[in-house]
Amino acid sequence: MECSPGISRPYALPKIRHGSTTTRTNNCFHWVAFAAELSIQLAVFALFASAYPDGYRSLLWLTGGVQGWNSNPEERIYFYANHKTPPEIPWIWTQRSTDANLATATVAVIVCLAKGLLIYLHQSRYFVVAFYDVSLAALWILCISNQSSGDYSSPAHPSPRPWYLVKSCKSVEGPGAKGCTMAQASFAISVLVL
């Protein structure tokens, strides 16, 4: 049984003998696993692309600040008005955090496509795939730790985790609820990918 993507090749595939059965190096399991991995990677990419450049990050920060769950971005105006240096913006609410998440998802899609190409060319070696997987695991661990980093910039409202990972999205109304759902989905699927 052959399970290739349907592209004919002018050469014959090499056969490998294992005991009494003959199998082709290109089996269905590789393609099914590749299709599943690619679909998950594309879903992650779509979620992070929808958040770029500021799809819901500032809205979540403001919603949490108004509710008293984390620092309030509107309080920064008082620092500027009083000629004081405002505290540094927490990593979770920065543009660099959004950029890092999207970059991780982009690299994951590219690596997944490269793995698919290696499968198609029958060059998929375990050590190469293991190297890709370990490298991606390190990137996803960083991505997850960035998504779950705290906000300690306001002494009155310290937040060890973003409020949308601790509280239900039903506790807010309006556009903050949609942003909360998207952020929770992004975090959940990032953990799934890892």
Foldseek 3Di string as FASTA:
>chain_A
DADAPPDDDPDDFDWDDDPPDIDGLQDPVLVVVLVVQLVLLVVLLVLLVCCPQNNCLLVLQQVCCVVLQANHPVCVVVCVVVVHDAFDFDLLSDSVLSVLSNVLSVVSNVVSVVCVVCSNVSNNDPVVVVVSVVVSVVSLVVNLCSQFAWHPRDVSHTHRGRVLVVDPLVVDDDPNSVSSVSSVVSNVSSVVSD
